[in-house]
């Protein structure tokens, strides 16, 4: 399992690549980090 620091880095990279996951999804990068940790799933989407 990745560390919280690794999840944080991943979440920022995901946001840079696909900002809709935060802007229209989780609402904040911190929420995205928590979702990654809790669900162990990675998702991306574009409108």
PDB file of N, CA and C in Angstrom:
ATOM      1  N   UNK A   1       0.847  -1.174   0.000  1.00  0.00           N
ATOM      2  CA  UNK A   1       0.000   0.000   0.000  1.00  0.00           C
ATOM      3  C   UNK A   1       0.894   1.240   0.000  1.00  0.00           C
ATOM      4  N   UNK A   2       0.584   2.192  -0.876  1.00  0.00           N
ATOM      5  CA  UNK A   2       1.376   3.433  -0.890  1.00  0.00           C
ATOM      6  C   UNK A   2       1.220   4.201   0.426  1.00  0.00           C
ATOM      7  N   UNK A   3       2.219   4.984   0.738  1.00  0.00           N
ATOM      8  CA  UNK A   3       2.152   5.838   1.935  1.00  0.00           C
ATOM      9  C   UNK A   3       1.242   7.032   1.656  1.00  0.00           C
ATOM     10  N   UNK A   4       0.853   7.733   2.712  1.00  0.00           N
ATOM     11  CA  UNK A   4       0.021   8.935   2.539  1.00  0.00           C
ATOM     12  C   UNK A   4       0.747   9.952   1.663  1.00  0.00           C
ATOM     13  N   UNK A   5       2.050  10.078   1.841  1.00  0.00           N
ATOM     14  CA  UNK A   5       2.837  11.009   1.024  1.00  0.00           C
ATOM     15  C   UNK A   5       2.757  10.629  -0.456  1.00  0.00           C
ATOM     16  N   UNK A   6       2.830   9.336  -0.744  1.00  0.00           N
ATOM     17  CA  UNK A   6       2.728   8.877  -2.137  1.00  0.00           C
ATOM     18  C   UNK A   6       1.324   9.128  -2.699  1.00  0.00           C
ATOM     19  N   UNK A   7       0.295   8.907  -1.872  1.00  0.00           N
ATOM     20  CA  UNK A   7      -1.067   9.211  -2.314  1.00  0.00           C
ATOM     21  C   UNK A   7      -1.224  10.708  -2.569  1.00  0.00           C
ATOM     22  N   UNK A   8      -0.613  11.532  -1.750  1.00  0.00           N
ATOM     23  CA  UNK A   8      -0.685  12.977  -1.925  1.00  0.00           C
ATOM     24  C   UNK A   8      -0.047  13.388  -3.243  1.00  0.00           C
ATOM     25  N   UNK A   9       1.123  12.856  -3.524  1.00  0.00           N
ATOM     26  CA  UNK A   9       1.798  13.138  -4.790  1.00  0.00           C
ATOM     27  C   UNK A   9       0.946  12.682  -5.964  1.00  0.00           C
ATOM     28  N   UNK A  10       0.394  11.476  -5.867  1.00  0.00           N
ATOM     29  CA  UNK A  10      -0.448  10.938  -6.926  1.00  0.00           C
ATOM     30  C   UNK A  10      -1.678  11.818  -7.136  1.00  0.00           C
ATOM     31  N   UNK A  11      -2.320  12.234  -6.068  1.00  0.00           N
ATOM     32  CA  UNK A  11      -3.524  13.065  -6.184  1.00  0.00           C
ATOM     33  C   UNK A  11      -3.217  14.381  -6.892  1.00  0.00           C
ATOM     34  N   UNK A  12      -2.101  15.001  -6.586  1.00  0.00           N
ATOM     35  CA  UNK A  12      -1.726  16.251  -7.253  1.00  0.00           C
ATOM     36  C   UNK A  12      -1.433  16.006  -8.737  1.00  0.00           C
ATOM     37  N   UNK A  13      -0.788  14.905  -9.050  1.00  0.00           N
ATOM     38  CA  UNK A  13      -0.516  14.572 -10.447  1.00  0.00           C
ATOM     39  C   UNK A  13      -1.817  14.266 -11.188  1.00  0.00           C
ATOM     40  N   UNK A  14      -2.736  13.562 -10.525  1.00  0.00           N
ATOM     41  CA  UNK A  14      -4.033  13.273 -11.138  1.00  0.00           C
ATOM     42  C   UNK A  14      -4.785  14.569 -11.409  1.00  0.00           C
ATOM     43  N   UNK A  15      -4.761  15.487 -10.462  1.00  0.00           N
ATOM     44  CA  UNK A  15      -5.443  16.765 -10.640  1.00  0.00           C
ATOM     45  C   UNK A  15      -4.836  17.560 -11.796  1.00  0.00           C
ATOM     46  N   UNK A  16      -3.520  17.574 -11.897  1.00  0.00           N
ATOM     47  CA  UNK A  16      -2.870  18.276 -13.004  1.00  0.00           C
ATOM     48  C   UNK A  16      -3.290  17.691 -14.354  1.00  0.00           C
ATOM     49  N   UNK A  17      -3.454  16.371 -14.406  1.00  0.00           N
ATOM     50  CA  UNK A  17      -3.794  15.664 -15.639  1.00  0.00           C
ATOM     51  C   UNK A  17      -5.298  15.743 -15.946  1.00  0.00           C
ATOM     52  N   UNK A  18      -6.118  15.690 -14.902  1.00  0.00           N
ATOM     53  CA  UNK A  18      -7.581  15.620 -15.072  1.00  0.00           C
ATOM     54  C   UNK A  18      -8.255  16.395 -13.939  1.00  0.00           C
ATOM     55  N   UNK A  19      -8.305  17.730 -14.033  1.00  0.00           N
ATOM     56  CA  UNK A  19      -8.843  18.531 -12.928  1.00  0.00           C
ATOM     57  C   UNK A  19     -10.317  18.274 -12.613  1.00  0.00           C
ATOM     58  N   UNK A  20     -11.082  17.708 -13.550  1.00  0.00           N
ATOM     59  CA  UNK A  20     -12.497  17.430 -13.280  1.00  0.00           C
ATOM     60  C   UNK A  20     -12.692  16.484 -12.099  1.00  0.00           C
ATOM     61  N   UNK A  21     -11.710  15.633 -11.808  1.00  0.00           N
ATOM     62  CA  UNK A  21     -11.889  14.703 -10.691  1.00  0.00           C
ATOM     63  C   UNK A  21     -12.047  15.430  -9.361  1.00  0.00           C
ATOM     64  N   UNK A  22     -11.495  16.645  -9.282  1.00  0.00           N
ATOM     65  CA  UNK A  22     -11.663  17.474  -8.088  1.00  0.00           C
ATOM     66  C   UNK A  22     -12.735  18.532  -8.331  1.00  0.00           C
ATOM     67  N   UNK A  23     -12.618  19.263  -9.439  1.00  0.00           N
ATOM     68  CA  UNK A  23     -13.506  20.392  -9.692  1.00  0.00           C
ATOM     69  C   UNK A  23     -14.976  19.976  -9.811  1.00  0.00           C
ATOM     70  N   UNK A  24     -15.237  18.795 -10.373  1.00  0.00           N
ATOM     71  CA  UNK A  24     -16.605  18.321 -10.517  1.00  0.00           C
ATOM     72  C   UNK A  24     -16.849  17.035  -9.722  1.00  0.00           C
ATOM     73  N   UNK A  25     -15.854  16.638  -8.957  1.00  0.00           N
ATOM     74  CA  UNK A  25     -15.960  15.374  -8.233  1.00  0.00           C
ATOM     75  C   UNK A  25     -15.799  15.533  -6.738  1.00  0.00           C
ATOM     76  N   UNK A  26     -14.584  15.298  -6.261  1.00  0.00           N
ATOM     77  CA  UNK A  26     -14.348  15.228  -4.824  1.00  0.00           C
ATOM     78  C   UNK A  26     -14.415  16.574  -4.108  1.00  0.00           C
ATOM     79  N   UNK A  27     -14.239  17.679  -4.848  1.00  0.00           N
ATOM     80  CA  UNK A  27     -14.344  19.007  -4.247  1.00  0.00           C
ATOM     81  C   UNK A  27     -13.041  19.573  -3.724  1.00  0.00           C
ATOM     82  N   UNK A  28     -12.084  18.714  -3.390  1.00  0.00           N
ATOM     83  CA  UNK A  28     -10.769  19.178  -2.944  1.00  0.00           C
ATOM     84  C   UNK A  28      -9.748  18.054  -3.138  1.00  0.00           C
ATOM     85  N   UNK A  29      -8.514  18.439  -3.224  1.00  0.00           N
ATOM     86  CA  UNK A  29      -7.462  17.429  -3.366  1.00  0.00           C
ATOM     87  C   UNK A  29      -7.381  16.581  -2.100  1.00  0.00           C
ATOM     88  N   UNK A  30      -7.603  17.189  -0.942  1.00  0.00           N
ATOM     89  CA  UNK A  30      -7.594  16.415   0.308  1.00  0.00           C
ATOM     90  C   UNK A  30      -8.675  15.331   0.275  1.00  0.00           C
ATOM     91  N   UNK A  31      -9.862  15.673  -0.224  1.00  0.00           N
ATOM     92  CA  UNK A  31     -10.920  14.663  -0.357  1.00  0.00           C
ATOM     93  C   UNK A  31     -10.519  13.573  -1.350  1.00  0.00           C
ATOM     94  N   UNK A  32      -9.846  13.954  -2.414  1.00  0.00           N
ATOM     95  CA  UNK A  32      -9.366  12.977  -3.386  1.00  0.00           C
ATOM     96  C   UNK A  32      -8.372  12.023  -2.728  1.00  0.00           C
ATOM     97  N   UNK A  33      -7.467  12.557  -1.936  1.00  0.00           N
ATOM     98  CA  UNK A  33      -6.493  11.721  -1.224  1.00  0.00           C
ATOM     99  C   UNK A  33      -7.220  10.719  -0.327  1.00  0.00           C
ATOM    100  N   UNK A  34      -8.191  11.205   0.436  1.00  0.00           N
ATOM    101  CA  UNK A  34      -8.945  10.319   1.324  1.00  0.00           C
ATOM    102  C   UNK A  34      -9.679   9.240   0.536  1.00  0.00           C
ATOM    103  N   UNK A  35     -10.252   9.603  -0.602  1.00  0.00           N
ATOM    104  CA  UNK A  35     -10.967   8.623  -1.417  1.00  0.00           C
ATOM    105  C   UNK A  35     -10.011   7.569  -1.976  1.00  0.00           C
ATOM    106  N   UNK A  36      -8.841   8.010  -2.428  1.00  0.00           N
ATOM    107  CA  UNK A  36      -7.838   7.054  -2.923  1.00  0.00           C
ATOM    108  C   UNK A  36      -7.453   6.062  -1.829  1.00  0.00           C
ATOM    109  N   UNK A  37      -7.229   6.567  -0.633  1.00  0.00           N
ATOM    110  CA  UNK A  37      -6.830   5.713   0.490  1.00  0.00           C
ATOM    111  C   UNK A  37      -7.952   4.747   0.857  1.00  0.00           C
ATOM    112  N   UNK A  38      -9.175   5.253   0.949  1.00  0.00           N
ATOM    113  CA  UNK A  38     -10.296   4.429   1.401  1.00  0.00           C
ATOM    114  C   UNK A  38     -10.731   3.394   0.367  1.00  0.00           C
ATOM    115  N   UNK A  39     -10.792   3.793  -0.909  1.00  0.00           N
ATOM    116  CA  UNK A  39     -11.334   2.896  -1.927  1.00  0.00           C
ATOM    117  C   UNK A  39     -10.277   2.073  -2.642  1.00  0.00           C
ATOM    118  N   UNK A  40      -9.029   2.529  -2.589  1.00  0.00           N
ATOM    119  CA  UNK A  40      -7.936   1.892  -3.323  1.00  0.00           C
ATOM    120  C   UNK A  40      -8.250   1.814  -4.820  1.00  0.00           C
ATOM    121  N   UNK A  41      -8.987   2.826  -5.324  1.00  0.00           N
ATOM    122  CA  UNK A  41      -9.331   2.907  -6.733  1.00  0.00           C
ATOM    123  C   UNK A  41      -8.837   4.224  -7.322  1.00  0.00           C
ATOM    124  N   UNK A  42      -8.453   4.160  -8.567  1.00  0.00           N
ATOM    125  CA  UNK A  42      -8.025   5.338  -9.312  1.00  0.00           C
ATOM    126  C   UNK A  42      -9.030   5.556 -10.422  1.00  0.00           C
ATOM    127  N   UNK A  43      -9.502   6.780 -10.584  1.00  0.00           N
ATOM    128  CA  UNK A  43     -10.460   7.075 -11.633  1.00  0.00           C
ATOM    129  C   UNK A  43     -10.132   8.417 -12.261  1.00  0.00           C
ATOM    130  N   UNK A  44     -10.473   8.559 -13.535  1.00  0.00           N
ATOM    131  CA  UNK A  44     -10.307   9.809 -14.272  1.00  0.00           C
ATOM    132  C   UNK A  44     -11.540   9.980 -15.147  1.00  0.00           C
ATOM    133  N   UNK A  45     -11.936  11.227 -15.412  1.00  0.00           N
ATOM    134  CA  UNK A  45     -12.997  11.448 -16.380  1.00  0.00           C
ATOM    135  C   UNK A  45     -12.887  12.850 -16.965  1.00  0.00           C
ATOM    136  N   UNK A  46     -13.431  12.972 -18.148  1.00  0.00           N
ATOM    137  CA  UNK A  46     -13.510  14.248 -18.831  1.00  0.00           C
ATOM    138  C   UNK A  46     -14.912  14.399 -19.375  1.00  0.00           C
ATOM    139  N   UNK A  47     -15.383  15.633 -19.403  1.00  0.00           N
ATOM    140  CA  UNK A  47     -16.700  15.910 -20.008  1.00  0.00           C
ATOM    141  C   UNK A  47     -16.533  16.232 -21.471  1.00  0.00           C
TER     142      UNK A  47
END
